[in-house]
Amino acid sequence: MNPLIELKNITFTAHKKTILDIQEFQIYDGEFLGIMGPNGAGKSTLLKLLAFLDQQTSGDILFRGQNIPKGNAPLDLRRKFSIALQQSLLLDGTVFHNIAIGLTLRKIPKSVIKEKVAHWMELFGISHLAKKNALYLSGGEAQRVNLARAMIVEPEILFLDEPFSALDFPTKIKLMEDFKGIIEKAQTTAVFVSHDLMEINYLTNRLAIIVNGEVKQSGSTPRILEHPNSSTQSFLNEWKKFYPLAR
């Protein structure tokens, strides 16, 4: 299977410090890839490179086999991606207009926008919030709007940077359950950065563990959690004290 995105000999340096040093890394169509590692390992930096939100110091990034010039990803390519962050960063306006913003910028006809927004609000259980100002939502409501806004543009890849981490436990569990069903039905490729093993274990089918800017192990999520290598065992064992690994 050919990768959707491929990294080759990637380095990222900031303030004379090497943040990432990755010889090879792939994302494949239809997978839900988790990226996990200690604080400061380079997880979010890797996500930004994959989404062309930042540029590598050296090395190549390929999309469907085509080498993308460093710092010059075309708009039509960047529009194939969508991202949801820990902070929802909603605009001062109604929930409807927040969810519609990506389609509005793409100059989609208003009738189509109305139909699509209604569809995604229903999927995320927020139809009743359509006319509410997005700045006055609860944390869980705001994150549902954030995810609906990211999904409505039907991205080829959805990038997620800890979107559940700030939520209280019951709110997190319900949103994760709903989101898993939504993304599986949409068959959207997803790349998910998290510091939480429970989230990784529940949502992802492939996992990459980064330590000190290097990918130390990658493969199916159950296999890595059950059989960590010597480079990842210490990190994962700390989590296993608190979370059972039953899927």
Protein backbone atom coordinates (compact mmCIF):
# COMPACT_ATOMS: atom_id res chain seq x y z
CA MET A 1 0.00 0.00 0.00
CA ASN A 2 1.36 3.40 -0.98
CA PRO A 3 1.39 6.01 1.82
CA LEU A 4 -0.84 9.06 1.74
CA ILE A 5 1.90 11.15 3.36
CA GLU A 6 5.52 10.09 3.70
CA LEU A 7 8.43 11.72 5.53
CA LYS A 8 12.02 11.02 4.49
CA ASN A 9 15.10 12.08 6.45
CA ILE A 10 13.24 14.83 8.28
CA THR A 11 14.89 17.13 10.79
CA PHE A 12 13.42 20.13 12.55
CA THR A 13 15.70 22.47 14.46
CA ALA A 14 14.75 25.46 16.62
CA HIS A 15 17.01 27.66 18.74
CA LYS A 16 19.99 25.46 17.79
CA LYS A 17 18.22 22.41 19.20
CA THR A 18 17.10 19.41 17.15
CA ILE A 19 13.41 18.85 17.93
CA LEU A 20 12.78 16.09 15.38
CA ASP A 21 15.05 13.61 13.63
CA ILE A 22 12.90 11.13 11.69
CA GLN A 23 14.35 8.89 9.00
CA GLU A 24 11.01 7.67 7.69
CA PHE A 25 7.36 7.96 8.64
CA GLN A 26 4.13 7.16 6.80
CA ILE A 27 0.41 7.83 7.02
CA TYR A 28 -1.93 5.50 5.14
CA ASP A 29 -5.44 6.00 3.75
CA GLY A 30 -8.22 5.19 6.17
CA GLU A 31 -6.15 4.68 9.29
CA PHE A 32 -6.55 6.34 12.68
CA LEU A 33 -2.94 6.97 13.65
CA GLY A 34 -2.03 7.89 17.20
CA ILE A 35 1.13 9.80 18.10
CA MET A 36 2.23 9.53 21.71
CA GLY A 37 5.32 10.24 23.75
CA PRO A 38 6.68 12.07 26.78
CA ASN A 39 6.28 15.83 27.20
CA GLY A 40 8.64 17.65 24.85
CA ALA A 41 9.14 14.61 22.61
CA GLY A 42 8.13 16.53 19.46
CA LYS A 43 4.58 15.24 18.97
CA SER A 44 2.91 18.55 18.15
CA THR A 45 5.86 19.64 16.02
CA LEU A 46 5.47 16.48 13.95
CA LEU A 47 1.75 17.14 13.55
CA LYS A 48 2.46 20.67 12.28
CA LEU A 49 4.93 19.36 9.71
CA LEU A 50 2.47 16.73 8.50
CA ALA A 51 -0.24 19.38 8.13
CA PHE A 52 2.16 21.81 6.40
CA LEU A 53 1.63 24.33 9.19
CA ASP A 54 5.38 24.47 9.70
CA GLN A 55 8.35 23.54 7.54
CA GLN A 56 11.13 21.07 8.12
CA THR A 57 14.76 22.11 8.45
CA SER A 58 15.81 19.32 6.08
CA GLY A 59 14.35 16.26 4.39
CA ASP A 60 11.36 15.59 2.17
CA ILE A 61 7.60 15.38 2.67
CA LEU A 62 5.62 13.57 -0.01
CA PHE A 63 1.87 13.59 -0.57
CA ARG A 64 0.63 10.64 -2.61
CA GLY A 65 4.17 10.18 -3.90
CA GLN A 66 4.68 13.81 -4.94
CA ASN A 67 7.47 15.74 -3.23
CA ILE A 68 6.05 18.95 -1.76
CA PRO A 69 8.49 21.89 -1.89
CA LYS A 70 9.53 22.98 1.60
CA GLY A 71 7.42 25.89 2.79
CA ASN A 72 5.41 25.97 -0.43
CA ALA A 73 2.48 23.58 -0.06
CA PRO A 74 -0.18 24.75 -2.54
CA LEU A 75 -3.55 25.96 -1.29
CA ASP A 76 -5.45 23.14 -2.97
CA LEU A 77 -3.31 20.64 -1.05
CA ARG A 78 -3.68 22.40 2.31
CA ARG A 79 -7.43 22.40 1.78
CA LYS A 80 -7.37 18.61 1.78
CA PHE A 81 -6.46 18.80 5.48
CA SER A 82 -8.34 19.91 8.55
CA ILE A 83 -7.23 20.32 12.15
CA ALA A 84 -8.86 20.38 15.58
CA LEU A 85 -6.85 21.61 18.55
CA GLN A 86 -7.19 21.34 22.32
CA GLN A 87 -8.47 24.93 22.35
CA SER A 88 -11.51 25.18 20.09
CA LEU A 89 -10.69 28.78 19.00
CA LEU A 90 -14.28 29.52 18.07
CA LEU A 91 -15.25 32.85 16.55
CA ASP A 92 -17.64 35.40 18.02
CA GLY A 93 -20.80 34.36 16.20
CA THR A 94 -23.38 31.62 16.10
CA VAL A 95 -22.57 27.94 16.19
CA PHE A 96 -23.99 27.69 12.67
CA HIS A 97 -21.56 30.27 11.29
CA ASN A 98 -18.59 28.74 13.11
CA ILE A 99 -19.25 25.35 11.59
CA ALA A 100 -19.89 26.87 8.16
CA ILE A 101 -16.71 28.98 8.01
CA GLY A 102 -14.65 26.49 5.98
CA LEU A 103 -17.36 26.15 3.36
CA THR A 104 -17.94 29.90 3.30
CA LEU A 105 -14.25 30.52 2.55
CA ARG A 106 -14.48 27.97 -0.27
CA LYS A 107 -17.43 29.96 -1.69
CA ILE A 108 -19.80 26.99 -1.50
CA PRO A 109 -23.42 27.95 -2.35
CA LYS A 110 -25.46 29.00 0.66
CA SER A 111 -28.09 26.31 0.08
CA VAL A 112 -25.41 23.62 0.18
CA ILE A 113 -23.83 25.15 3.28
CA LYS A 114 -27.15 25.14 5.09
CA GLU A 115 -27.70 21.48 4.26
CA LYS A 116 -24.19 20.38 5.25
CA VAL A 117 -24.15 22.36 8.50
CA ALA A 118 -27.48 20.82 9.50
CA HIS A 119 -26.09 17.36 8.73
CA TRP A 120 -22.94 17.76 10.82
CA MET A 121 -24.73 19.44 13.71
CA GLU A 122 -27.09 16.49 13.85
CA LEU A 123 -24.21 13.98 13.81
CA PHE A 124 -22.50 15.76 16.71
CA GLY A 125 -25.75 16.28 18.64
CA ILE A 126 -25.62 20.06 18.61
CA SER A 127 -28.53 21.03 16.33
CA HIS A 128 -30.21 22.77 19.27
CA LEU A 129 -27.20 25.11 19.57
CA ALA A 130 -27.32 26.43 15.99
CA LYS A 131 -28.27 30.00 16.93
CA LYS A 132 -26.29 30.21 20.16
CA ASN A 133 -23.16 32.38 20.35
CA ALA A 134 -20.20 30.01 20.24
CA LEU A 135 -18.32 31.98 22.89
CA TYR A 136 -20.87 30.96 25.53
CA LEU A 137 -20.72 27.20 25.08
CA SER A 138 -19.57 24.68 27.65
CA GLY A 139 -16.23 22.97 27.06
CA GLY A 140 -17.85 19.84 25.67
CA GLU A 141 -20.21 21.79 23.42
CA ALA A 142 -17.36 23.92 22.10
CA GLN A 143 -15.28 20.86 21.25
CA ARG A 144 -18.23 19.29 19.40
CA VAL A 145 -18.50 22.48 17.34
CA ASN A 146 -14.75 22.44 16.77
CA LEU A 147 -14.84 18.86 15.47
CA ALA A 148 -17.92 19.48 13.33
CA ARG A 149 -16.17 22.52 11.80
CA ALA A 150 -13.15 20.36 10.99
CA MET A 151 -15.18 17.52 9.50
CA ILE A 152 -17.64 19.54 7.41
CA VAL A 153 -15.02 20.26 4.73
CA GLU A 154 -14.64 16.47 4.26
CA PRO A 155 -10.85 16.46 4.64
CA GLU A 156 -8.64 13.71 3.28
CA ILE A 157 -6.78 13.87 6.58
CA LEU A 158 -8.03 15.16 9.92
CA PHE A 159 -5.30 16.24 12.35
CA LEU A 160 -6.19 16.20 16.05
CA ASP A 161 -3.98 17.77 18.72
CA GLU A 162 -5.32 16.69 22.12
CA PRO A 163 -8.93 17.82 21.50
CA PHE A 164 -10.29 15.84 24.46
CA SER A 165 -7.67 16.59 27.09
CA ALA A 166 -9.35 19.62 28.69
CA LEU A 167 -12.74 17.93 29.16
CA ASP A 168 -14.08 16.40 32.34
CA PHE A 169 -14.16 12.61 32.28
CA PRO A 170 -17.89 11.95 31.57
CA THR A 171 -17.93 14.63 28.83
CA LYS A 172 -14.76 13.20 27.30
CA ILE A 173 -16.07 9.63 27.22
CA LYS A 174 -19.37 10.58 25.56
CA LEU A 175 -17.67 12.77 22.94
CA MET A 176 -15.06 10.11 22.17
CA GLU A 177 -17.79 7.49 21.71
CA ASP A 178 -19.74 9.74 19.36
CA PHE A 179 -16.64 10.86 17.48
CA LYS A 180 -15.37 7.33 16.93
CA GLY A 181 -18.66 6.35 15.28
CA ILE A 182 -18.68 9.49 13.13
CA ILE A 183 -15.15 9.15 11.84
CA GLU A 184 -15.47 5.43 11.17
CA LYS A 185 -18.63 6.04 9.14
CA ALA A 186 -16.97 8.87 7.21
CA GLN A 187 -13.82 6.71 6.68
CA THR A 188 -11.66 9.77 7.26
CA THR A 189 -7.93 9.31 7.74
CA ALA A 190 -6.98 10.77 11.11
CA VAL A 191 -3.73 11.62 12.90
CA PHE A 192 -4.19 12.05 16.63
CA VAL A 193 -1.67 13.49 19.08
CA SER A 194 -2.43 12.66 22.70
CA HIS A 195 -0.64 12.26 26.01
CA ASP A 196 -3.41 9.96 27.28
CA LEU A 197 -3.12 6.20 26.80
CA MET A 198 -6.84 5.69 27.34
CA GLU A 199 -7.66 7.96 24.40
CA ILE A 200 -5.02 6.33 22.21
CA ASN A 201 -6.16 2.82 23.10
CA TYR A 202 -9.83 3.56 22.44
CA LEU A 203 -9.57 5.53 19.20
CA THR A 204 -6.53 4.48 17.20
CA ASN A 205 -5.64 1.43 15.13
CA ARG A 206 -1.99 2.35 14.55
CA LEU A 207 0.42 4.00 16.95
CA ALA A 208 3.75 5.79 16.73
CA ILE A 209 5.70 6.51 19.90
CA ILE A 210 8.15 9.41 19.83
CA VAL A 211 10.95 9.84 22.35
CA ASN A 212 13.49 12.68 22.09
CA GLY A 213 12.30 13.61 18.62
CA GLU A 214 12.69 10.12 17.14
CA VAL A 215 10.04 7.53 16.27
CA LYS A 216 11.08 4.66 18.53
CA GLN A 217 8.27 2.25 17.64
CA SER A 218 5.31 2.16 15.26
CA GLY A 219 2.72 -0.43 14.31
CA SER A 220 -0.74 -1.59 15.28
CA THR A 221 -1.90 -0.05 18.54
CA PRO A 222 -2.75 -3.34 20.31
CA ARG A 223 0.58 -4.90 19.35
CA ILE A 224 2.66 -1.97 20.60
CA LEU A 225 0.75 -1.72 23.86
CA GLU A 226 1.12 -5.44 24.45
CA HIS A 227 4.70 -5.75 23.17
CA PRO A 228 6.61 -2.47 23.59
CA ASN A 229 10.23 -2.54 22.54
CA SER A 230 13.12 -1.60 24.81
CA SER A 231 12.93 2.06 23.74
CA THR A 232 9.26 2.53 24.62
CA GLN A 233 8.70 0.07 27.46
CA SER A 234 9.61 2.45 30.27
CA PHE A 235 7.28 5.18 28.98
CA LEU A 236 4.35 2.82 28.42
CA ASN A 237 4.79 0.98 31.72
CA GLU A 238 4.13 4.22 33.60
CA TRP A 239 0.75 4.47 31.88
CA LYS A 240 -0.10 0.81 32.36
CA LYS A 241 -0.11 1.35 36.11
CA PHE A 242 -3.29 3.40 35.70
CA TYR A 243 -5.10 2.19 32.55
CA PRO A 244 -6.06 -1.39 31.71
CA LEU A 245 -5.42 -2.16 28.05
CA ALA A 246 -8.63 -4.06 27.27
CA ARG A 247 -10.06 -2.70 24.04
